[in-house]
PDB file of N, CA and C in Angstrom:
ATOM      1  N   MET A   1       5.355  -4.084 -24.174  1.00  0.00           N
ATOM      2  CA  MET A   1       5.144  -4.120 -22.748  1.00  0.00           C
ATOM      3  C   MET A   1       5.251  -2.730 -22.133  1.00  0.00           C
ATOM      4  N   TRP A   2       6.237  -1.952 -22.491  1.00  0.00           N
ATOM      5  CA  TRP A   2       6.429  -0.627 -21.909  1.00  0.00           C
ATOM      6  C   TRP A   2       6.066   0.465 -22.908  1.00  0.00           C
ATOM      7  N   GLY A   3       5.147   0.161 -23.802  1.00  0.00           N
ATOM      8  CA  GLY A   3       4.807   1.096 -24.855  1.00  0.00           C
ATOM      9  C   GLY A   3       4.114   2.351 -24.356  1.00  0.00           C
ATOM     10  N   VAL A   4       3.982   3.302 -25.266  1.00  0.00           N
ATOM     11  CA  VAL A   4       3.307   4.549 -24.947  1.00  0.00           C
ATOM     12  C   VAL A   4       1.868   4.249 -24.567  1.00  0.00           C
ATOM     13  N   GLY A   5       1.408   4.846 -23.501  1.00  0.00           N
ATOM     14  CA  GLY A   5       0.040   4.658 -23.066  1.00  0.00           C
ATOM     15  C   GLY A   5      -0.184   3.449 -22.174  1.00  0.00           C
ATOM     16  N   ALA A   6       0.857   2.632 -21.976  1.00  0.00           N
ATOM     17  CA  ALA A   6       0.698   1.480 -21.081  1.00  0.00           C
ATOM     18  C   ALA A   6       0.424   1.993 -19.673  1.00  0.00           C
ATOM     19  N   ARG A   7      -0.503   1.353 -18.990  1.00  0.00           N
ATOM     20  CA  ARG A   7      -0.896   1.799 -17.651  1.00  0.00           C
ATOM     21  C   ARG A   7      -0.379   0.814 -16.612  1.00  0.00           C
ATOM     22  N   TRP A   8       0.897   0.821 -16.399  1.00  0.00           N
ATOM     23  CA  TRP A   8       1.516  -0.074 -15.437  1.00  0.00           C
ATOM     24  C   TRP A   8       1.546   0.582 -14.079  1.00  0.00           C
ATOM     25  N   ARG A   9       1.404  -0.222 -13.045  1.00  0.00           N
ATOM     26  CA  ARG A   9       1.456   0.256 -11.670  1.00  0.00           C
ATOM     27  C   ARG A   9       2.601  -0.444 -10.966  1.00  0.00           C
ATOM     28  N   SER A  10       3.164   0.218 -10.035  1.00  0.00           N
ATOM     29  CA  SER A  10       4.269  -0.325  -9.273  1.00  0.00           C
ATOM     30  C   SER A  10       3.784  -0.703  -7.877  1.00  0.00           C
ATOM     31  N   ALA A  11       4.301  -1.785  -7.336  1.00  0.00           N
ATOM     32  CA  ALA A  11       3.959  -2.213  -5.984  1.00  0.00           C
ATOM     33  C   ALA A  11       5.210  -2.757  -5.313  1.00  0.00           C
ATOM     34  N   SER A  12       5.344  -2.514  -4.032  1.00  0.00           N
ATOM     35  CA  SER A  12       6.461  -3.047  -3.268  1.00  0.00           C
ATOM     36  C   SER A  12       5.925  -3.978  -2.199  1.00  0.00           C
ATOM     37  N   THR A  13       6.645  -5.056  -1.965  1.00  0.00           N
ATOM     38  CA  THR A  13       6.279  -5.975  -0.898  1.00  0.00           C
ATOM     39  C   THR A  13       7.523  -6.299  -0.095  1.00  0.00           C
ATOM     40  N   ILE A  14       7.321  -6.701   1.146  1.00  0.00           N
ATOM     41  CA  ILE A  14       8.438  -7.143   1.972  1.00  0.00           C
ATOM     42  C   ILE A  14       7.957  -8.338   2.787  1.00  0.00           C
ATOM     43  N   ALA A  15       8.785  -9.354   2.854  1.00  0.00           N
ATOM     44  CA  ALA A  15       8.431 -10.556   3.601  1.00  0.00           C
ATOM     45  C   ALA A  15       8.347 -10.227   5.086  1.00  0.00           C
ATOM     46  N   SER A  16       7.375 -10.829   5.782  1.00  0.00           N
ATOM     47  CA  SER A  16       7.181 -10.517   7.201  1.00  0.00           C
ATOM     48  C   SER A  16       8.426 -10.813   8.018  1.00  0.00           C
ATOM     49  N   GLU A  17       9.189 -11.847   7.650  1.00  0.00           N
ATOM     50  CA  GLU A  17      10.395 -12.135   8.412  1.00  0.00           C
ATOM     51  C   GLU A  17      11.531 -11.167   8.082  1.00  0.00           C
ATOM     52  N   GLY A  18      11.355 -10.357   7.049  1.00  0.00           N
ATOM     53  CA  GLY A  18      12.405  -9.434   6.645  1.00  0.00           C
ATOM     54  C   GLY A  18      12.122  -7.992   6.998  1.00  0.00           C
ATOM     55  N   ARG A  19      11.114  -7.756   7.824  1.00  0.00           N
ATOM     56  CA  ARG A  19      10.762  -6.382   8.176  1.00  0.00           C
ATOM     57  C   ARG A  19      11.902  -5.710   8.928  1.00  0.00           C
ATOM     58  N   GLY A  20      11.955  -4.395   8.777  1.00  0.00           N
ATOM     59  CA  GLY A  20      12.985  -3.642   9.481  1.00  0.00           C
ATOM     60  C   GLY A  20      14.137  -3.326   8.547  1.00  0.00           C
ATOM     61  N   ALA A  21      15.167  -2.716   9.095  1.00  0.00           N
ATOM     62  CA  ALA A  21      16.326  -2.322   8.301  1.00  0.00           C
ATOM     63  C   ALA A  21      16.944  -3.546   7.643  1.00  0.00           C
ATOM     64  N   GLY A  22      17.209  -3.455   6.370  1.00  0.00           N
ATOM     65  CA  GLY A  22      17.854  -4.546   5.653  1.00  0.00           C
ATOM     66  C   GLY A  22      16.924  -5.674   5.255  1.00  0.00           C
ATOM     67  N   GLY A  23      15.611  -5.481   5.444  1.00  0.00           N
ATOM     68  CA  GLY A  23      14.654  -6.531   5.087  1.00  0.00           C
ATOM     69  C   GLY A  23      14.649  -6.773   3.591  1.00  0.00           C
ATOM     70  N   ARG A  24      14.262  -7.973   3.201  1.00  0.00           N
ATOM     71  CA  ARG A  24      14.212  -8.311   1.783  1.00  0.00           C
ATOM     72  C   ARG A  24      12.860  -7.939   1.207  1.00  0.00           C
ATOM     73  N   GLY A  25      12.877  -7.139   0.211  1.00  0.00           N
ATOM     74  CA  GLY A  25      11.641  -6.715  -0.425  1.00  0.00           C
ATOM     75  C   GLY A  25      11.647  -7.041  -1.901  1.00  0.00           C
ATOM     76  N   HIS A  26      10.513  -6.907  -2.516  1.00  0.00           N
ATOM     77  CA  HIS A  26      10.367  -7.150  -3.948  1.00  0.00           C
ATOM     78  C   HIS A  26       9.628  -5.963  -4.536  1.00  0.00           C
ATOM     79  N   HIS A  27      10.022  -5.572  -5.706  1.00  0.00           N
ATOM     80  CA  HIS A  27       9.348  -4.497  -6.415  1.00  0.00           C
ATOM     81  C   HIS A  27       8.801  -5.110  -7.697  1.00  0.00           C
ATOM     82  N   VAL A  28       7.508  -5.014  -7.896  1.00  0.00           N
ATOM     83  CA  VAL A  28       6.887  -5.614  -9.069  1.00  0.00           C
ATOM     84  C   VAL A  28       6.075  -4.572  -9.826  1.00  0.00           C
ATOM     85  N   PHE A  29       5.877  -4.831 -11.103  1.00  0.00           N
ATOM     86  CA  PHE A  29       5.029  -3.980 -11.920  1.00  0.00           C
ATOM     87  C   PHE A  29       3.838  -4.813 -12.360  1.00  0.00           C
ATOM     88  N   THR A  30       2.693  -4.205 -12.357  1.00  0.00           N
ATOM     89  CA  THR A  30       1.478  -4.918 -12.732  1.00  0.00           C
ATOM     90  C   THR A  30       0.596  -4.012 -13.581  1.00  0.00           C
ATOM     91  N   GLN A  31      -0.185  -4.628 -14.403  1.00  0.00           N
ATOM     92  CA  GLN A  31      -1.128  -3.877 -15.223  1.00  0.00           C
ATOM     93  C   GLN A  31      -2.535  -4.243 -14.754  1.00  0.00           C
ATOM     94  N   PRO A  32      -3.316  -3.251 -14.309  1.00  0.00           N
ATOM     95  CA  PRO A  32      -4.661  -3.545 -13.815  1.00  0.00           C
ATOM     96  C   PRO A  32      -5.520  -4.222 -14.878  1.00  0.00           C
ATOM     97  N   VAL A  33      -6.246  -5.248 -14.463  1.00  0.00           N
ATOM     98  CA  VAL A  33      -7.162  -5.968 -15.350  1.00  0.00           C
ATOM     99  C   VAL A  33      -8.579  -5.604 -14.902  1.00  0.00           C
ATOM    100  N   PRO A  34      -9.400  -5.057 -15.794  1.00  0.00           N
ATOM    101  CA  PRO A  34     -10.740  -4.601 -15.408  1.00  0.00           C
ATOM    102  C   PRO A  34     -11.564  -5.653 -14.674  1.00  0.00           C
ATOM    103  N   GLU A  35     -11.486  -6.905 -15.107  1.00  0.00           N
ATOM    104  CA  GLU A  35     -12.264  -7.957 -14.449  1.00  0.00           C
ATOM    105  C   GLU A  35     -11.805  -8.167 -13.004  1.00  0.00           C
ATOM    106  N   ASP A  36     -10.475  -8.121 -12.780  1.00  0.00           N
ATOM    107  CA  ASP A  36      -9.938  -8.287 -11.428  1.00  0.00           C
ATOM    108  C   ASP A  36     -10.343  -7.112 -10.535  1.00  0.00           C
ATOM    109  N   LEU A  37     -10.304  -5.912 -11.095  1.00  0.00           N
ATOM    110  CA  LEU A  37     -10.696  -4.732 -10.319  1.00  0.00           C
ATOM    111  C   LEU A  37     -12.175  -4.789  -9.961  1.00  0.00           C
ATOM    112  N   ALA A  38     -12.998  -5.286 -10.887  1.00  0.00           N
ATOM    113  CA  ALA A  38     -14.434  -5.422 -10.614  1.00  0.00           C
ATOM    114  C   ALA A  38     -14.667  -6.439  -9.497  1.00  0.00           C
ATOM    115  N   ALA A  39     -13.926  -7.548  -9.514  1.00  0.00           N
ATOM    116  CA  ALA A  39     -14.061  -8.555  -8.458  1.00  0.00           C
ATOM    117  C   ALA A  39     -13.619  -7.994  -7.115  1.00  0.00           C
ATOM    118  N   LEU A  40     -12.539  -7.234  -7.108  1.00  0.00           N
ATOM    119  CA  LEU A  40     -12.055  -6.603  -5.884  1.00  0.00           C
ATOM    120  C   LEU A  40     -13.068  -5.592  -5.359  1.00  0.00           C
ATOM    121  N   ALA A  41     -13.668  -4.824  -6.252  1.00  0.00           N
ATOM    122  CA  ALA A  41     -14.691  -3.850  -5.854  1.00  0.00           C
ATOM    123  C   ALA A  41     -15.899  -4.554  -5.246  1.00  0.00           C
ATOM    124  N   ALA A  42     -16.276  -5.713  -5.792  1.00  0.00           N
ATOM    125  CA  ALA A  42     -17.415  -6.462  -5.257  1.00  0.00           C
ATOM    126  C   ALA A  42     -17.124  -6.960  -3.843  1.00  0.00           C
ATOM    127  N   VAL A  43     -15.896  -7.436  -3.613  1.00  0.00           N
ATOM    128  CA  VAL A  43     -15.499  -7.897  -2.276  1.00  0.00           C
ATOM    129  C   VAL A  43     -15.525  -6.725  -1.290  1.00  0.00           C
ATOM    130  N   ALA A  44     -15.012  -5.576  -1.715  1.00  0.00           N
ATOM    131  CA  ALA A  44     -15.015  -4.393  -0.853  1.00  0.00           C
ATOM    132  C   ALA A  44     -16.441  -3.934  -0.563  1.00  0.00           C
ATOM    133  N   HIS A  45     -17.273  -3.915  -1.587  1.00  0.00           N
ATOM    134  CA  HIS A  45     -18.665  -3.481  -1.426  1.00  0.00           C
ATOM    135  C   HIS A  45     -19.429  -4.401  -0.480  1.00  0.00           C
ATOM    136  N   ALA A  46     -19.080  -5.683  -0.477  1.00  0.00           N
ATOM    137  CA  ALA A  46     -19.740  -6.664   0.394  1.00  0.00           C
ATOM    138  C   ALA A  46     -19.219  -6.593   1.831  1.00  0.00           C
ATOM    139  N   GLY A  47     -18.221  -5.746   2.057  1.00  0.00           N
ATOM    140  CA  GLY A  47     -17.679  -5.607   3.409  1.00  0.00           C
ATOM    141  C   GLY A  47     -16.729  -6.715   3.807  1.00  0.00           C
ATOM    142  N   ARG A  48     -16.208  -7.457   2.823  1.00  0.00           N
ATOM    143  CA  ARG A  48     -15.302  -8.566   3.129  1.00  0.00           C
ATOM    144  C   ARG A  48     -13.838  -8.206   2.927  1.00  0.00           C
ATOM    145  N   LEU A  49     -13.555  -6.954   2.630  1.00  0.00           N
ATOM    146  CA  LEU A  49     -12.187  -6.497   2.445  1.00  0.00           C
ATOM    147  C   LEU A  49     -11.820  -5.619   3.633  1.00  0.00           C
ATOM    148  N   THR A  50     -10.766  -5.968   4.309  1.00  0.00           N
ATOM    149  CA  THR A  50     -10.343  -5.171   5.456  1.00  0.00           C
ATOM    150  C   THR A  50      -8.909  -4.714   5.272  1.00  0.00           C
ATOM    151  N   VAL A  51      -8.636  -3.547   5.763  1.00  0.00           N
ATOM    152  CA  VAL A  51      -7.297  -2.981   5.717  1.00  0.00           C
ATOM    153  C   VAL A  51      -6.923  -2.609   7.139  1.00  0.00           C
ATOM    154  N   HIS A  52      -5.785  -3.101   7.589  1.00  0.00           N
ATOM    155  CA  HIS A  52      -5.340  -2.777   8.941  1.00  0.00           C
ATOM    156  C   HIS A  52      -4.735  -1.370   8.934  1.00  0.00           C
ATOM    157  N   VAL A  53      -5.247  -0.525   9.798  1.00  0.00           N
ATOM    158  CA  VAL A  53      -4.725   0.837   9.940  1.00  0.00           C
ATOM    159  C   VAL A  53      -3.888   0.878  11.206  1.00  0.00           C
ATOM    160  N   ASP A  54      -2.610   1.187  11.044  1.00  0.00           N
ATOM    161  CA  ASP A  54      -1.696   1.265  12.185  1.00  0.00           C
ATOM    162  C   ASP A  54      -1.991   2.496  13.027  1.00  0.00           C
ATOM    163  N   ARG A  55      -2.168   3.622  12.348  1.00  0.00           N
ATOM    164  CA  ARG A  55      -2.496   4.860  13.065  1.00  0.00           C
ATOM    165  C   ARG A  55      -3.020   5.918  12.107  1.00  0.00           C
ATOM    166  N   VAL A  56      -3.736   6.873  12.666  1.00  0.00           N
ATOM    167  CA  VAL A  56      -4.300   7.997  11.914  1.00  0.00           C
ATOM    168  C   VAL A  56      -3.675   9.262  12.481  1.00  0.00           C
ATOM    169  N   LEU A  57      -3.118  10.081  11.597  1.00  0.00           N
ATOM    170  CA  LEU A  57      -2.429  11.304  12.017  1.00  0.00           C
ATOM    171  C   LEU A  57      -2.996  12.513  11.289  1.00  0.00           C
ATOM    172  N   PRO A  58      -2.901  13.692  11.904  1.00  0.00           N
ATOM    173  CA  PRO A  58      -3.331  14.911  11.216  1.00  0.00           C
ATOM    174  C   PRO A  58      -2.270  15.336  10.194  1.00  0.00           C
ATOM    175  N   PRO A  59      -2.652  16.145   9.223  1.00  0.00           N
ATOM    176  CA  PRO A  59      -1.689  16.593   8.210  1.00  0.00           C
ATOM    177  C   PRO A  59      -0.452  17.274   8.806  1.00  0.00           C
ATOM    178  N   ALA A  60      -0.603  17.909   9.954  1.00  0.00           N
ATOM    179  CA  ALA A  60       0.542  18.581  10.584  1.00  0.00           C
ATOM    180  C   ALA A  60       1.648  17.593  10.949  1.00  0.00           C
ATOM    181  N   GLU A  61       1.307  16.303  11.020  1.00  0.00           N
ATOM    182  CA  GLU A  61       2.296  15.283  11.379  1.00  0.00           C
ATOM    183  C   GLU A  61       2.707  14.433  10.176  1.00  0.00           C
ATOM    184  N   ALA A  62       2.546  14.999   8.969  1.00  0.00           N
ATOM    185  CA  ALA A  62       2.869  14.261   7.745  1.00  0.00           C
ATOM    186  C   ALA A  62       4.347  13.874   7.689  1.00  0.00           C
ATOM    187  N   VAL A  63       5.225  14.755   8.118  1.00  0.00           N
ATOM    188  CA  VAL A  63       6.663  14.440   8.109  1.00  0.00           C
ATOM    189  C   VAL A  63       6.935  13.270   9.048  1.00  0.00           C
ATOM    190  N   ASP A  64       6.302  13.277  10.221  1.00  0.00           N
ATOM    191  CA  ASP A  64       6.460  12.169  11.163  1.00  0.00           C
ATOM    192  C   ASP A  64       5.915  10.871  10.561  1.00  0.00           C
ATOM    193  N   ALA A  65       4.807  10.957   9.840  1.00  0.00           N
ATOM    194  CA  ALA A  65       4.221   9.780   9.201  1.00  0.00           C
ATOM    195  C   ALA A  65       5.186   9.187   8.174  1.00  0.00           C
ATOM    196  N   LEU A  66       5.822  10.048   7.395  1.00  0.00           N
ATOM    197  CA  LEU A  66       6.790   9.584   6.403  1.00  0.00           C
ATOM    198  C   LEU A  66       7.966   8.902   7.093  1.00  0.00           C
ATOM    199  N   ARG A  67       8.487   9.527   8.110  1.00  0.00           N
ATOM    200  CA  ARG A  67       9.610   8.933   8.845  1.00  0.00           C
ATOM    201  C   ARG A  67       9.214   7.580   9.438  1.00  0.00           C
ATOM    202  N   LEU A  68       8.033   7.525  10.003  1.00  0.00           N
ATOM    203  CA  LEU A  68       7.545   6.285  10.592  1.00  0.00           C
ATOM    204  C   LEU A  68       7.425   5.186   9.532  1.00  0.00           C
ATOM    205  N   SER A  69       6.924   5.546   8.357  1.00  0.00           N
ATOM    206  CA  SER A  69       6.755   4.549   7.291  1.00  0.00           C
ATOM    207  C   SER A  69       8.096   3.998   6.816  1.00  0.00           C
ATOM    208  N   GLN A  70       9.144   4.773   6.967  1.00  0.00           N
ATOM    209  CA  GLN A  70      10.461   4.343   6.511  1.00  0.00           C
ATOM    210  C   GLN A  70      11.199   3.472   7.528  1.00  0.00           C
ATOM    211  N   THR A  71      10.657   3.313   8.726  1.00  0.00           N
ATOM    212  CA  THR A  71      11.327   2.508   9.748  1.00  0.00           C
ATOM    213  C   THR A  71      11.156   1.018   9.512  1.00  0.00           C
ATOM    214  N   GLY A  72      10.115   0.620   8.769  1.00  0.00           N
ATOM    215  CA  GLY A  72       9.851  -0.790   8.572  1.00  0.00           C
ATOM    216  C   GLY A  72       9.161  -1.429   9.763  1.00  0.00           C
ATOM    217  N   ARG A  73       8.739  -0.629  10.726  1.00  0.00           N
ATOM    218  CA  ARG A  73       8.109  -1.149  11.935  1.00  0.00           C
ATOM    219  C   ARG A  73       6.597  -0.913  11.980  1.00  0.00           C
ATOM    220  N   VAL A  74       6.034  -0.442  10.904  1.00  0.00           N
ATOM    221  CA  VAL A  74       4.595  -0.176  10.840  1.00  0.00           C
ATOM    222  C   VAL A  74       3.876  -1.451  10.444  1.00  0.00           C
ATOM    223  N   ARG A  75       2.828  -1.788  11.158  1.00  0.00           N
ATOM    224  CA  ARG A  75       2.037  -2.986  10.885  1.00  0.00           C
ATOM    225  C   ARG A  75       0.668  -2.582  10.374  1.00  0.00           C
ATOM    226  N   GLY A  76       0.596  -2.068   9.174  1.00  0.00           N
ATOM    227  CA  GLY A  76      -0.653  -1.606   8.598  1.00  0.00           C
ATOM    228  C   GLY A  76      -0.419  -0.283   7.887  1.00  0.00           C
ATOM    229  N   LYS A  77      -1.488   0.364   7.553  1.00  0.00           N
ATOM    230  CA  LYS A  77      -1.412   1.642   6.835  1.00  0.00           C
ATOM    231  C   LYS A  77      -1.334   2.813   7.794  1.00  0.00           C
ATOM    232  N   ILE A  78      -0.637   3.844   7.371  1.00  0.00           N
ATOM    233  CA  ILE A  78      -0.612   5.111   8.085  1.00  0.00           C
ATOM    234  C   ILE A  78      -1.557   6.029   7.300  1.00  0.00           C
ATOM    235  N   VAL A  79      -2.523   6.593   7.972  1.00  0.00           N
ATOM    236  CA  VAL A  79      -3.535   7.428   7.313  1.00  0.00           C
ATOM    237  C   VAL A  79      -3.368   8.863   7.763  1.00  0.00           C
ATOM    238  N   LEU A  80      -3.352   9.787   6.798  1.00  0.00           N
ATOM    239  CA  LEU A  80      -3.393  11.208   7.108  1.00  0.00           C
ATOM    240  C   LEU A  80      -4.842  11.648   7.004  1.00  0.00           C
ATOM    241  N   ASP A  81      -5.419  12.089   8.096  1.00  0.00           N
ATOM    242  CA  ASP A  81      -6.818  12.494   8.147  1.00  0.00           C
ATOM    243  C   ASP A  81      -6.922  13.970   7.764  1.00  0.00           C
ATOM    244  N   ILE A  82      -7.413  14.214   6.561  1.00  0.00           N
ATOM    245  CA  ILE A  82      -7.541  15.594   6.100  1.00  0.00           C
ATOM    246  C   ILE A  82      -8.943  16.123   6.333  1.00  0.00           C
ATOM    247  N   GLY A  83      -9.749  15.324   7.056  1.00  0.00           N
ATOM    248  CA  GLY A  83     -11.054  15.577   7.569  1.00  0.00           C
ATOM    249  C   GLY A  83     -11.936  16.520   6.957  1.00  0.00           C
TER     250      GLY A  83
END
């Protein structure tokens, strides 16, 4: 399972009712499956995959973006626009 060359990815989740300081989260490890990635790519290509963006910030505000992400109060992704 954890052998040399294994391509495991880490993901964190937090229950919506547990958001904020002290919220309950889960940390899981997953191994990408090519067929699943292809299906996900097809959904994205068809325009049926949406990602909620909470805010877009310039690189000069990267420290603020990190601090904001650690509050647990962000409802979506924080994007750094390197334009």
